[in-house]
Amino acid sequence: MNDNKNKFIVAYFSLEIALENGLKTYAGGLGVLAGDLLSSAANLKFPMVGLTLLNRQGYFKQVLTGSGEQIIKPDSDYDFSKLKKLPINVVVNIGQESVKVGVWQYIIKGRDGFNGSVYFLDTDFPENSEVNRRLTDNLYGGDLEYRLKQEIVFGRAGVKMLQALGYNKIKKFHLNEGHGALAAVELFLSSNKKNNTEKVAEVRGRIVFTTHTPLKKEQDVFSLTYLKGYQPDFPDYLNGLVVQENINLTVVGLYFSGYTNAVSNLHQRVTQKMFPDYKIQAITNGVNSLNWASPEFQKLYDKYVPGWRTYNPLLLNASRIPLEEIWAKHQQIKKRLLEFINGRSAVKLEEAIFTLGFARRFTSYKRPEFLFNDLKRLLSLQQSGGRIQIIYAGKAHPRDLEGQELIKLIYQFKKELSSKIKIVFLENYDLDQAKLLTSGVDLWLNTPLLPNEASGTSGMKAAHNGVPQLSTLDGWWPEGYKKNKTGWAIKERKMRNGTSENNLYELLGNNILPLYYKDSEKWKKIMRSTISLNASYFNTDRALEQYIKEAYKLEKLIK
């Protein structure tokens, strides 16, 4: 373990961080990105410390009924053996109450003995009121008050905790989404500079802010009166911090940051239009190659691309891997995936059938029903091009009723098409399922409504296992799509009558299925070039190096 905390120069704040299945402090892509970045930091020996909430009951455990109704249960199977409770506490003020906050430590083991730490804040102390004891129980749980109180603990107590832990040389505080914006407020209010202008300048020199959502309805917004009831010292006197008597934590993050980035090139353009008063940069997301390349493909890369573990861009040399070996490894994983599914599902999938995968948060803009918009065409292309089977997975937020209805809709299609297309919906999607699913399907499907997907990373995970993607040109895909090399682009256009049309069925019927079933050599070449072109670039080692150079500007401090 690295005991010299003075060497750690970046603190990474993320309300969710996905580290391993037994630690429940993640809901989806935001958390996976955070965990992957921190893992890359440990492997690259970059001194970055992570901070999050404990979330001892997780996001939620998903149980699905026979009709697809989502039953929400506490995810209480928490592996505390991976954490160490530390005897250090801080106090944060919430309204008229003083809340005691403790901390747990998780060690990320990097290469050559270099380790990083992630700290989990915890309010479960008898000195706190029962309501405040529960603030670090549920990720994204509760109502508006619960969310605001969580973000006060996360941001303001987070800064205090790092100081109490002895991290005295933090040069940059990287806020992953607006949830951590109150960390900037804590830094401002605790500044020793002589006036507000100098205080703001000091904070901006220390804050890096990453915004993820281009949807305003998904940003945390509180009325000024409401927020001041819980944070009476909030500096609403700073010009530009309050917009129409509301506090938007994304705006707070933008206001106090010296560097702000979106998470894909397209997302940068969308976000810049949303917030024209701020300069938005772009650093496209990635995934951790060591976390998401399956064991089978890791062995393949070790054999043909030596050095890829320490320098991911070497995966560009995947072009030297024999096609038959790529195919053989894929078939091994596909068999493993189907054995997992067939062991728990009444619907039995077959290895010889072309398999699509769709797994992500169920919400309207991600359009999980997109494939079934024209059932007649879907069934006809299957008859002419070849059989398909589909694997779905994903949770809908407890307050997203429309997303929950979409799960039920998939179940309706599952039942309606049961004699023609096999459809499976995996319950309680988690990290382990994600690793199996993104590596074991034949094609990854992604259908967000433009321009709502900030980045999306599931297709990057698939690419690390030679699985091409079929996606609308949203998020990262305009950067990752290379015609006839990494997958296919779904193109849509609006018609004069208000409807829209797309080329999804043409792509499946005229390109994808004929290739898979009748031109296996060309299909295998696409698998190989997907690794070479996408896995070599869309990884968190590359993303972190961009942050170090462009956002942290600490390249000279890294040995």
Protein backbone atom coordinates (compact mmCIF):
# COMPACT_ATOMS: atom_id res chain seq x y z
CA MET A 1 0.00 0.00 0.00
CA ASN A 2 1.10 3.56 -0.76
CA ASP A 3 1.35 5.33 2.59
CA ASN A 4 2.82 8.59 1.28
CA LYS A 5 -0.42 10.49 0.76
CA ASN A 6 1.47 13.64 -0.16
CA LYS A 7 2.19 12.01 -3.52
CA PHE A 8 -1.49 11.87 -4.41
CA ILE A 9 -2.37 14.93 -6.45
CA VAL A 10 -5.84 14.28 -7.97
CA ALA A 11 -9.03 13.51 -6.06
CA TYR A 12 -11.77 11.94 -8.18
CA PHE A 13 -15.33 12.47 -6.89
CA SER A 14 -18.03 10.21 -8.32
CA LEU A 15 -21.35 9.43 -6.66
CA GLU A 16 -21.09 5.94 -8.12
CA ILE A 17 -17.93 3.91 -8.65
CA ALA A 18 -18.08 0.35 -9.99
CA LEU A 19 -15.13 -1.63 -8.65
CA GLU A 20 -16.44 -5.17 -8.30
CA ASN A 21 -19.76 -6.95 -8.05
CA GLY A 22 -19.84 -7.21 -4.26
CA LEU A 23 -19.52 -3.45 -3.76
CA LYS A 24 -22.89 -1.98 -4.62
CA THR A 25 -22.02 1.65 -5.20
CA TYR A 26 -22.88 1.75 -8.89
CA ALA A 27 -25.96 1.89 -11.11
CA GLY A 28 -24.56 1.90 -14.62
CA GLY A 29 -22.20 3.53 -17.08
CA LEU A 30 -21.24 6.52 -14.93
CA GLY A 31 -20.02 4.22 -12.17
CA VAL A 32 -18.27 1.83 -14.56
CA LEU A 33 -16.41 4.73 -16.14
CA ALA A 34 -15.30 5.94 -12.70
CA GLY A 35 -14.08 2.52 -11.62
CA ASP A 36 -12.30 1.97 -14.93
CA LEU A 37 -10.53 5.35 -14.75
CA LEU A 38 -9.36 4.70 -11.21
CA SER A 39 -8.14 1.23 -12.20
CA SER A 40 -6.20 2.76 -15.08
CA ALA A 41 -4.70 5.30 -12.67
CA ALA A 42 -3.39 2.49 -10.47
CA ASN A 43 -2.00 0.62 -13.48
CA LEU A 44 -0.37 3.75 -14.90
CA LYS A 45 1.02 4.64 -11.45
CA PHE A 46 -0.83 7.94 -11.54
CA PRO A 47 -1.52 9.26 -8.01
CA MET A 48 -5.30 9.60 -8.04
CA VAL A 49 -7.58 8.93 -5.06
CA GLY A 50 -11.29 8.17 -5.45
CA LEU A 51 -14.19 9.26 -3.28
CA THR A 52 -17.83 8.11 -3.19
CA LEU A 53 -20.64 7.14 -0.81
CA LEU A 54 -20.90 3.73 0.84
CA ASN A 55 -24.43 2.92 -0.43
CA ARG A 56 -24.67 -0.11 1.82
CA GLN A 57 -28.00 -1.15 0.25
CA GLY A 58 -26.80 -0.50 -3.27
CA TYR A 59 -28.85 0.91 -6.13
CA PHE A 60 -31.54 -1.76 -5.96
CA LYS A 61 -32.00 -5.46 -6.61
CA GLN A 62 -34.23 -6.05 -9.61
CA VAL A 63 -36.78 -8.87 -9.54
CA LEU A 64 -38.96 -9.29 -12.64
CA THR A 65 -42.37 -10.94 -12.70
CA GLY A 66 -43.63 -13.09 -15.56
CA SER A 67 -45.11 -10.01 -17.20
CA GLY A 68 -41.96 -7.92 -16.82
CA GLU A 69 -43.06 -5.86 -13.85
CA GLN A 70 -39.96 -4.59 -12.04
CA ILE A 71 -39.98 -5.34 -8.31
CA ILE A 72 -37.47 -3.22 -6.38
CA LYS A 73 -35.66 -4.71 -3.39
CA PRO A 74 -32.66 -3.58 -1.32
CA ASP A 75 -29.39 -4.92 -2.70
CA SER A 76 -28.14 -5.90 0.73
CA ASP A 77 -25.60 -8.54 -0.30
CA TYR A 78 -22.69 -6.16 0.35
CA ASP A 79 -19.15 -7.55 0.60
CA PHE A 80 -17.69 -5.53 3.48
CA SER A 81 -14.68 -7.86 3.55
CA LYS A 82 -13.26 -5.81 0.68
CA LEU A 83 -13.36 -2.61 2.75
CA LYS A 84 -11.49 -1.38 5.81
CA LYS A 85 -13.27 0.90 8.29
CA LEU A 86 -10.97 3.75 9.30
CA PRO A 87 -11.08 5.52 12.69
CA ILE A 88 -11.46 8.96 11.11
CA ASN A 89 -14.60 11.11 11.18
CA VAL A 90 -15.62 14.59 10.07
CA VAL A 91 -18.73 16.68 10.66
CA VAL A 92 -20.84 18.43 8.02
CA ASN A 93 -23.68 20.85 8.68
CA ILE A 94 -27.03 20.16 7.03
CA GLY A 95 -29.55 22.84 7.97
CA GLN A 96 -29.53 23.08 11.75
CA GLU A 97 -28.04 19.60 12.19
CA SER A 98 -24.44 18.48 12.49
CA VAL A 99 -23.94 15.14 10.76
CA LYS A 100 -21.08 12.81 11.63
CA VAL A 101 -19.42 11.18 8.62
CA GLY A 102 -17.05 8.20 8.73
CA VAL A 103 -15.08 6.44 6.02
CA TRP A 104 -14.17 3.03 4.61
CA GLN A 105 -11.16 2.33 2.38
CA TYR A 106 -10.87 0.13 -0.70
CA ILE A 107 -7.47 -0.63 -2.23
CA ILE A 108 -7.10 -0.79 -6.02
CA LYS A 109 -4.06 -2.94 -6.71
CA GLY A 110 -2.09 -1.62 -9.64
CA ARG A 111 1.00 -2.82 -11.42
CA ASP A 112 4.39 -3.22 -9.78
CA GLY A 113 3.11 -2.67 -6.25
CA PHE A 114 1.51 0.72 -6.92
CA ASN A 115 -1.90 0.89 -5.27
CA GLY A 116 -4.64 3.48 -5.26
CA SER A 117 -7.43 4.04 -2.75
CA VAL A 118 -11.15 4.71 -2.99
CA TYR A 119 -12.88 6.10 0.08
CA PHE A 120 -16.52 5.40 0.89
CA LEU A 121 -18.30 7.94 3.10
CA ASP A 122 -20.70 6.60 5.74
CA THR A 123 -23.23 8.41 8.00
CA ASP A 124 -24.47 5.37 9.94
CA PHE A 125 -23.61 6.56 13.45
CA PRO A 126 -25.85 6.54 16.56
CA GLU A 127 -25.01 10.23 17.09
CA ASN A 128 -26.90 11.06 13.88
CA SER A 129 -30.68 11.19 13.59
CA GLU A 130 -32.26 8.10 12.04
CA VAL A 131 -32.92 9.98 8.80
CA ASN A 132 -29.31 11.13 8.56
CA ARG A 133 -27.97 7.68 9.43
CA ARG A 134 -29.65 6.41 6.26
CA LEU A 135 -28.11 9.01 3.92
CA THR A 136 -25.42 6.62 2.71
CA ASP A 137 -27.71 3.62 2.35
CA ASN A 138 -29.14 3.95 -1.16
CA LEU A 139 -27.63 5.15 -4.41
CA TYR A 140 -30.06 7.58 -6.06
CA GLY A 141 -32.64 6.64 -3.46
CA GLY A 142 -35.32 8.65 -1.73
CA ASP A 143 -36.81 12.02 -2.63
CA LEU A 144 -35.46 15.50 -3.41
CA GLU A 145 -34.44 16.06 0.22
CA TYR A 146 -32.57 12.76 0.38
CA ARG A 147 -30.71 13.59 -2.84
CA LEU A 148 -29.69 17.06 -1.65
CA LYS A 149 -28.53 15.77 1.73
CA GLN A 150 -26.52 13.03 0.02
CA GLU A 151 -24.83 15.58 -2.20
CA ILE A 152 -23.98 17.77 0.79
CA VAL A 153 -22.35 14.79 2.49
CA PHE A 154 -20.63 13.72 -0.71
CA GLY A 155 -19.26 17.10 -1.78
CA ARG A 156 -18.64 19.03 1.40
CA ALA A 157 -17.80 16.18 3.77
CA GLY A 158 -15.76 14.62 0.96
CA VAL A 159 -13.36 17.56 0.87
CA LYS A 160 -13.11 17.58 4.66
CA MET A 161 -12.52 13.83 4.77
CA LEU A 162 -9.61 13.94 2.34
CA GLN A 163 -8.00 16.62 4.50
CA ALA A 164 -8.61 14.55 7.64
CA LEU A 165 -7.10 11.50 5.92
CA GLY A 166 -3.90 13.44 5.28
CA TYR A 167 -4.19 14.18 1.55
CA ASN A 168 -2.59 17.60 1.77
CA LYS A 169 -1.18 17.92 -1.74
CA ILE A 170 -4.32 17.55 -3.86
CA LYS A 171 -3.82 19.82 -6.86
CA LYS A 172 -6.98 18.92 -8.78
CA PHE A 173 -10.45 17.89 -7.66
CA HIS A 174 -12.12 16.07 -10.55
CA LEU A 175 -15.91 16.14 -10.21
CA ASN A 176 -17.52 13.37 -12.23
CA GLU A 177 -20.96 14.89 -12.93
CA GLY A 178 -22.82 17.58 -10.97
CA HIS A 179 -23.46 15.39 -7.91
CA GLY A 180 -20.11 16.48 -6.48
CA ALA A 181 -20.46 20.21 -7.20
CA LEU A 182 -20.74 21.13 -3.52
CA ALA A 183 -17.11 20.08 -3.13
CA ALA A 184 -16.29 23.25 -5.06
CA VAL A 185 -18.48 25.24 -2.65
CA GLU A 186 -16.58 23.76 0.31
CA LEU A 187 -13.26 24.73 -1.27
CA PHE A 188 -14.55 28.27 -1.90
CA LEU A 189 -15.89 28.78 1.62
CA SER A 190 -12.71 27.40 3.22
CA SER A 191 -10.36 29.49 1.06
CA ASN A 192 -7.97 31.84 2.81
CA LYS A 193 -7.82 34.28 -0.08
CA LYS A 194 -8.72 37.86 0.82
CA ASN A 195 -11.72 38.44 -1.48
CA ASN A 196 -14.32 36.53 -3.49
CA THR A 197 -12.62 37.13 -6.82
CA GLU A 198 -9.41 35.55 -5.59
CA LYS A 199 -11.30 32.72 -3.91
CA VAL A 200 -13.18 31.86 -7.11
CA ALA A 201 -9.94 32.00 -9.10
CA GLU A 202 -8.24 29.68 -6.61
CA VAL A 203 -11.08 27.15 -6.78
CA ARG A 204 -11.19 27.25 -10.57
CA GLY A 205 -7.52 26.45 -10.60
CA ARG A 206 -8.28 23.25 -8.70
CA ILE A 207 -11.56 21.99 -10.20
CA VAL A 208 -11.98 19.79 -13.26
CA PHE A 209 -15.61 19.08 -14.10
CA THR A 210 -16.96 16.31 -16.34
CA THR A 211 -20.60 16.60 -17.38
CA HIS A 212 -22.34 13.51 -18.70
CA THR A 213 -26.00 14.18 -19.37
CA PRO A 214 -27.30 16.38 -22.19
CA LEU A 215 -30.80 16.04 -20.68
CA LYS A 216 -31.72 19.00 -18.47
CA LYS A 217 -34.47 17.01 -16.76
CA GLU A 218 -31.83 14.62 -15.41
CA GLN A 219 -29.69 17.35 -13.85
CA ASP A 220 -30.02 18.18 -10.15
CA VAL A 221 -31.90 21.46 -9.79
CA PHE A 222 -33.09 22.97 -6.48
CA SER A 223 -34.84 26.23 -5.79
CA LEU A 224 -32.55 28.72 -4.06
CA THR A 225 -34.91 28.96 -1.09
CA TYR A 226 -35.03 25.17 -0.72
CA LEU A 227 -31.27 24.73 -0.96
CA LYS A 228 -30.53 27.57 1.47
CA GLY A 229 -32.68 25.82 4.03
CA TYR A 230 -30.09 23.03 4.08
CA GLN A 231 -27.02 25.09 3.14
CA PRO A 232 -27.48 28.60 4.59
CA ASP A 233 -23.86 29.46 3.78
CA PHE A 234 -24.26 28.69 0.06
CA PRO A 235 -22.60 31.64 -1.78
CA ASP A 236 -25.61 32.75 -3.81
CA TYR A 237 -24.11 36.23 -3.85
CA LEU A 238 -21.67 35.14 -6.56
CA ASN A 239 -22.82 36.48 -9.90
CA GLY A 240 -23.91 33.68 -12.27
CA LEU A 241 -24.33 30.94 -9.68
CA VAL A 242 -28.10 31.39 -9.35
CA VAL A 243 -30.21 31.09 -12.52
CA GLN A 244 -33.85 32.18 -12.28
CA GLU A 245 -33.86 31.62 -8.54
CA ASN A 246 -32.69 28.03 -9.02
CA ILE A 247 -29.45 26.24 -8.27
CA ASN A 248 -28.49 23.73 -10.97
CA LEU A 249 -25.55 21.68 -9.70
CA THR A 250 -24.31 21.26 -13.26
CA VAL A 251 -24.09 25.06 -13.47
CA VAL A 252 -22.31 25.12 -10.09
CA GLY A 253 -19.77 22.65 -11.48
CA LEU A 254 -19.33 24.74 -14.63
CA TYR A 255 -19.01 27.98 -12.65
CA PHE A 256 -16.26 26.74 -10.36
CA SER A 257 -14.26 24.67 -12.85
CA GLY A 258 -11.14 25.77 -14.67
CA TYR A 259 -11.62 22.93 -17.15
CA THR A 260 -14.91 21.34 -18.18
CA ASN A 261 -15.34 18.44 -20.56
CA ALA A 262 -18.07 16.48 -22.22
CA VAL A 263 -17.56 12.76 -22.84
CA SER A 264 -17.64 12.53 -26.64
CA ASN A 265 -17.15 14.93 -29.53
CA LEU A 266 -20.86 15.00 -30.31
CA HIS A 267 -21.74 15.49 -26.65
CA GLN A 268 -19.34 18.44 -26.54
CA ARG A 269 -21.23 20.19 -29.33
CA VAL A 270 -24.60 19.52 -27.69
CA THR A 271 -23.42 20.66 -24.26
CA GLN A 272 -21.76 23.78 -25.64
CA LYS A 273 -25.12 24.84 -27.08
CA MET A 274 -26.81 24.18 -23.73
CA PHE A 275 -24.26 26.26 -21.82
CA PRO A 276 -22.92 28.88 -24.26
CA ASP A 277 -21.40 30.97 -21.44
CA TYR A 278 -18.87 28.25 -20.58
CA LYS A 279 -16.07 26.65 -22.55
CA ILE A 280 -16.68 22.92 -22.95
CA GLN A 281 -13.91 20.57 -24.09
CA ALA A 282 -14.22 16.94 -25.18
CA ILE A 283 -12.52 13.84 -23.78
CA THR A 284 -14.27 10.77 -25.12
CA ASN A 285 -14.86 8.00 -22.61
CA GLY A 286 -13.16 4.64 -22.66
CA VAL A 287 -13.29 1.36 -20.78
CA ASN A 288 -10.52 -0.39 -18.86
CA SER A 289 -9.01 -2.94 -21.24
CA LEU A 290 -7.92 -5.29 -18.45
CA ASN A 291 -11.39 -5.20 -16.88
CA TRP A 292 -13.39 -5.78 -20.08
CA ALA A 293 -11.32 -8.01 -22.32
CA SER A 294 -12.53 -11.51 -21.49
CA PRO A 295 -10.06 -14.09 -20.14
CA GLU A 296 -10.15 -15.81 -23.52
CA PHE A 297 -9.23 -12.67 -25.43
CA GLN A 298 -6.65 -11.61 -22.87
CA LYS A 299 -4.78 -14.85 -23.57
CA LEU A 300 -5.07 -14.18 -27.29
CA TYR A 301 -3.65 -10.67 -26.90
CA ASP A 302 -0.85 -11.95 -24.67
CA LYS A 303 0.11 -14.34 -27.45
CA TYR A 304 -0.04 -12.00 -30.44
CA VAL A 305 0.13 -8.46 -29.01
CA PRO A 306 2.74 -8.56 -26.22
CA GLY A 307 2.84 -5.37 -24.22
CA TRP A 308 -0.86 -4.54 -24.67
CA ARG A 309 -1.47 -4.74 -20.90
CA THR A 310 0.86 -1.81 -20.23
CA TYR A 311 0.16 0.10 -23.46
CA ASN A 312 -3.36 -0.44 -24.78
CA PRO A 313 -2.79 1.27 -28.18
CA LEU A 314 -0.77 -1.80 -29.12
CA LEU A 315 -4.13 -3.51 -29.67
CA LEU A 316 -3.95 -1.82 -33.05
CA ASN A 317 -1.70 -4.80 -33.84
CA ALA A 318 -4.62 -7.19 -33.35
CA SER A 319 -4.54 -7.25 -37.15
CA ARG A 320 -1.85 -9.93 -36.81
CA ILE A 321 -4.13 -12.34 -34.89
CA PRO A 322 -5.31 -15.25 -37.09
CA LEU A 323 -9.03 -14.96 -37.87
CA GLU A 324 -9.75 -18.54 -36.89
CA GLU A 325 -8.32 -18.00 -33.42
CA ILE A 326 -10.51 -14.92 -32.91
CA TRP A 327 -13.54 -16.91 -34.00
CA ALA A 328 -12.66 -19.88 -31.80
CA LYS A 329 -12.29 -17.67 -28.71
CA HIS A 330 -15.57 -15.93 -29.47
CA GLN A 331 -17.37 -19.24 -29.78
CA GLN A 332 -15.97 -20.34 -26.42
CA ILE A 333 -17.36 -17.21 -24.76
CA LYS A 334 -20.69 -17.49 -26.58
CA LYS A 335 -21.02 -21.05 -25.33
CA ARG A 336 -20.26 -19.86 -21.80
CA LEU A 337 -22.86 -17.10 -22.10
CA LEU A 338 -25.57 -19.43 -23.38
CA GLU A 339 -24.84 -22.00 -20.70
CA PHE A 340 -25.30 -19.24 -18.11
CA ILE A 341 -28.60 -18.17 -19.68
CA ASN A 342 -29.97 -21.63 -20.37
CA GLY A 343 -29.27 -22.63 -16.78
CA ARG A 344 -31.75 -20.06 -15.51
CA SER A 345 -34.14 -19.34 -18.38
CA ALA A 346 -37.11 -21.26 -19.73
CA VAL A 347 -36.14 -19.97 -23.17
CA LYS A 348 -33.20 -21.99 -24.47
CA LEU A 349 -30.80 -20.22 -26.81
CA GLU A 350 -28.72 -21.99 -29.47
CA GLU A 351 -25.05 -21.50 -30.33
CA ALA A 352 -25.59 -21.65 -34.09
CA ILE A 353 -28.08 -18.76 -34.12
CA PHE A 354 -27.03 -15.14 -34.61
CA THR A 355 -27.31 -13.42 -31.22
CA LEU A 356 -27.94 -9.73 -30.56
CA GLY A 357 -27.32 -8.10 -27.19
CA PHE A 358 -28.98 -5.00 -25.74
CA ALA A 359 -28.18 -4.08 -22.13
CA ARG A 360 -28.30 -0.66 -20.48
CA ARG A 361 -30.50 1.51 -18.29
CA PHE A 362 -34.08 1.22 -19.43
CA THR A 363 -35.30 4.71 -20.19
CA SER A 364 -37.24 6.19 -23.09
CA TYR A 365 -34.42 7.88 -25.01
CA LYS A 366 -32.42 4.63 -25.21
CA ARG A 367 -35.38 3.07 -27.10
CA PRO A 368 -35.04 -0.62 -26.21
CA GLU A 369 -38.19 -1.32 -28.27
CA PHE A 370 -36.62 0.11 -31.46
CA LEU A 371 -35.90 -3.32 -32.97
CA PHE A 372 -39.61 -4.21 -32.82
CA ASN A 373 -41.04 -1.09 -34.47
CA ASP A 374 -42.02 -3.11 -37.54
CA LEU A 375 -42.61 -6.73 -36.58
CA LYS A 376 -43.56 -7.75 -40.10
CA ARG A 377 -40.22 -6.57 -41.50
CA LEU A 378 -38.29 -8.07 -38.60
CA LEU A 379 -39.84 -11.47 -39.19
CA SER A 380 -39.41 -11.30 -42.95
CA LEU A 381 -35.71 -10.46 -42.77
CA GLN A 382 -35.22 -13.36 -40.40
CA GLN A 383 -36.83 -15.65 -42.95
CA SER A 384 -34.64 -14.37 -45.78
CA GLY A 385 -31.39 -13.58 -43.99
CA GLY A 386 -31.18 -16.08 -41.16
CA ARG A 387 -32.49 -16.71 -37.68
CA ILE A 388 -31.83 -14.33 -34.80
CA GLN A 389 -32.11 -14.50 -31.02
CA ILE A 390 -31.97 -11.54 -28.65
CA ILE A 391 -30.69 -11.01 -25.11
CA TYR A 392 -31.93 -8.02 -23.12
CA ALA A 393 -30.87 -6.76 -19.71
CA GLY A 394 -31.13 -3.58 -17.71
CA LYS A 395 -32.83 -1.76 -14.87
CA ALA A 396 -35.24 1.18 -14.93
CA HIS A 397 -34.82 3.86 -12.26
CA PRO A 398 -37.38 3.38 -9.46
CA ARG A 399 -38.96 6.74 -10.37
CA ASP A 400 -38.80 6.18 -14.14
CA LEU A 401 -42.26 4.75 -14.73
CA GLU A 402 -41.89 5.01 -18.49
CA GLY A 403 -38.68 2.98 -18.32
CA GLN A 404 -40.43 0.32 -16.26
CA GLU A 405 -43.20 0.16 -18.87
CA LEU A 406 -40.55 -0.44 -21.53
CA ILE A 407 -39.38 -3.55 -19.68
CA LYS A 408 -42.97 -4.81 -19.72
CA LEU A 409 -43.17 -4.02 -23.43
CA ILE A 410 -40.10 -6.17 -24.14
CA TYR A 411 -41.79 -8.96 -22.19
CA GLN A 412 -44.86 -8.57 -24.41
CA PHE A 413 -42.74 -8.95 -27.53
CA LYS A 414 -40.97 -11.87 -25.89
CA LYS A 415 -44.32 -13.61 -25.47
CA GLU A 416 -45.80 -12.55 -28.81
CA LEU A 417 -42.78 -13.69 -30.83
CA SER A 418 -41.92 -16.78 -28.78
CA SER A 419 -42.58 -19.20 -31.63
CA LYS A 420 -40.54 -17.16 -34.13
CA ILE A 421 -37.72 -15.34 -32.29
CA LYS A 422 -36.20 -16.38 -28.99
CA ILE A 423 -35.89 -13.45 -26.57
CA VAL A 424 -34.36 -13.57 -23.10
CA PHE A 425 -34.38 -10.81 -20.49
CA LEU A 426 -31.65 -11.18 -17.85
CA GLU A 427 -32.78 -10.13 -14.39
CA ASN A 428 -30.75 -7.84 -12.09
CA TYR A 429 -28.05 -6.83 -14.57
CA ASP A 430 -24.66 -6.41 -12.86
CA LEU A 431 -20.94 -6.22 -13.59
CA ASP A 432 -20.47 -9.97 -13.93
CA GLN A 433 -23.38 -10.29 -16.36
CA ALA A 434 -22.09 -7.28 -18.31
CA LYS A 435 -18.69 -8.90 -18.80
CA LEU A 436 -20.28 -12.09 -20.07
CA LEU A 437 -22.88 -10.42 -22.25
CA THR A 438 -20.69 -7.82 -23.96
CA SER A 439 -18.17 -10.51 -24.89
CA GLY A 440 -20.51 -13.38 -25.78
CA VAL A 441 -23.10 -11.96 -28.18
CA ASP A 442 -22.45 -11.73 -31.92
CA LEU A 443 -23.59 -8.12 -32.32
CA TRP A 444 -24.08 -5.26 -29.87
CA LEU A 445 -27.23 -3.20 -30.43
CA ASN A 446 -27.52 0.45 -29.36
CA THR A 447 -30.45 2.63 -30.40
CA PRO A 448 -30.49 5.97 -28.50
CA LEU A 449 -32.48 8.90 -29.85
CA LEU A 450 -30.06 11.58 -31.03
CA PRO A 451 -28.54 13.58 -29.38
CA ASN A 452 -29.34 12.20 -25.93
CA GLU A 453 -26.54 9.66 -25.41
CA ALA A 454 -23.55 11.51 -23.97
CA SER A 455 -21.12 8.73 -24.77
CA GLY A 456 -22.17 5.17 -23.99
CA THR A 457 -19.45 2.64 -23.26
CA SER A 458 -21.07 -0.78 -23.64
CA GLY A 459 -20.07 -0.99 -27.31
CA MET A 460 -16.48 -0.26 -26.30
CA LYS A 461 -16.58 -3.23 -23.94
CA ALA A 462 -17.90 -5.39 -26.77
CA ALA A 463 -15.13 -4.14 -29.07
CA HIS A 464 -12.50 -5.45 -26.65
CA ASN A 465 -13.87 -8.91 -27.44
CA GLY A 466 -14.23 -8.55 -31.19
CA VAL A 467 -17.98 -7.89 -31.05
CA PRO A 468 -19.04 -5.24 -33.60
CA GLN A 469 -21.78 -2.70 -32.89
CA LEU A 470 -24.99 -1.71 -34.65
CA SER A 471 -25.94 1.74 -33.38
CA THR A 472 -27.49 5.07 -34.15
CA LEU A 473 -24.85 7.75 -34.65
CA ASP A 474 -25.03 9.10 -31.12
CA GLY A 475 -22.53 9.36 -28.27
CA TRP A 476 -19.14 7.85 -29.12
CA TRP A 477 -20.30 6.01 -32.24
CA PRO A 478 -19.64 8.85 -34.74
CA GLU A 479 -16.00 8.48 -33.65
CA GLY A 480 -15.91 4.69 -33.44
CA TYR A 481 -17.87 3.77 -36.56
CA LYS A 482 -15.72 2.82 -39.52
CA LYS A 483 -17.71 1.49 -42.46
CA ASN A 484 -17.18 -2.22 -43.11
CA LYS A 485 -14.66 -2.37 -40.28
CA THR A 486 -16.18 -1.81 -36.80
CA GLY A 487 -19.92 -2.30 -37.26
CA TRP A 488 -22.89 -0.52 -38.74
CA ALA A 489 -24.57 2.88 -38.39
CA ILE A 490 -28.34 3.21 -38.10
CA LYS A 491 -29.36 6.36 -39.94
CA GLU A 492 -32.70 8.07 -39.38
CA ARG A 493 -34.54 10.87 -41.11
CA LYS A 494 -37.73 12.75 -40.45
CA MET A 495 -40.51 12.51 -43.03
CA ARG A 496 -42.79 15.36 -44.06
CA ASN A 497 -45.76 13.69 -42.37
CA GLY A 498 -43.97 13.82 -39.01
CA THR A 499 -42.93 10.17 -38.96
CA SER A 500 -39.36 8.96 -39.27
CA GLU A 501 -37.69 6.16 -41.15
CA ASN A 502 -34.42 4.33 -40.64
CA ASN A 503 -32.25 1.69 -42.26
CA LEU A 504 -32.17 -0.79 -39.37
CA TYR A 505 -33.93 -3.62 -41.17
CA GLU A 506 -32.02 -3.02 -44.41
CA LEU A 507 -28.74 -3.30 -42.53
CA LEU A 508 -29.80 -6.50 -40.80
CA GLY A 509 -31.36 -8.09 -43.88
CA ASN A 510 -28.93 -7.00 -46.59
CA ASN A 511 -25.61 -6.72 -44.76
CA ILE A 512 -25.36 -8.18 -41.29
CA LEU A 513 -27.19 -11.50 -41.46
CA PRO A 514 -25.90 -12.47 -44.93
CA LEU A 515 -22.35 -11.74 -43.77
CA TYR A 516 -22.70 -13.78 -40.61
CA TYR A 517 -24.32 -16.79 -42.23
CA LYS A 518 -22.82 -16.77 -45.74
CA ASP A 519 -19.50 -14.91 -45.67
CA SER A 520 -17.90 -15.91 -42.39
CA GLU A 521 -14.44 -14.83 -43.54
CA LYS A 522 -15.53 -11.22 -43.95
CA TRP A 523 -17.42 -11.34 -40.64
CA LYS A 524 -14.28 -12.47 -38.86
CA LYS A 525 -12.31 -9.64 -40.47
CA ILE A 526 -14.83 -7.16 -39.05
CA MET A 527 -14.40 -8.75 -35.64
CA ARG A 528 -10.64 -8.34 -35.89
CA SER A 529 -10.72 -4.75 -37.13
CA THR A 530 -13.21 -3.89 -34.36
CA ILE A 531 -10.50 -4.82 -31.86
CA SER A 532 -7.74 -3.12 -33.81
CA LEU A 533 -9.53 0.19 -34.44
CA ASN A 534 -11.83 0.58 -31.44
CA ALA A 535 -10.35 -1.32 -28.49
CA SER A 536 -6.94 0.25 -29.16
CA TYR A 537 -8.36 3.77 -28.71
CA PHE A 538 -11.56 3.68 -26.67
CA ASN A 539 -9.97 2.69 -23.37
CA THR A 540 -9.49 4.50 -20.05
CA ASP A 541 -5.69 4.42 -20.25
CA ARG A 542 -6.00 6.76 -23.24
CA ALA A 543 -8.78 8.80 -21.61
CA LEU A 544 -6.78 9.23 -18.39
CA GLU A 545 -3.68 10.30 -20.28
CA GLN A 546 -5.82 12.95 -21.99
CA TYR A 547 -7.08 14.15 -18.61
CA ILE A 548 -3.53 14.32 -17.27
CA LYS A 549 -2.32 16.40 -20.22
CA GLU A 550 -5.34 18.53 -21.07
CA ALA A 551 -7.41 18.85 -17.89
CA TYR A 552 -5.04 18.35 -14.95
CA LYS A 553 -2.03 19.77 -16.81
CA LEU A 554 0.16 17.63 -14.59
CA GLU A 555 2.13 15.73 -17.18
CA LYS A 556 5.45 17.07 -15.90
CA LEU A 557 4.66 15.79 -12.42
CA ILE A 558 4.21 12.20 -13.57
CA LYS A 559 7.25 9.97 -13.67
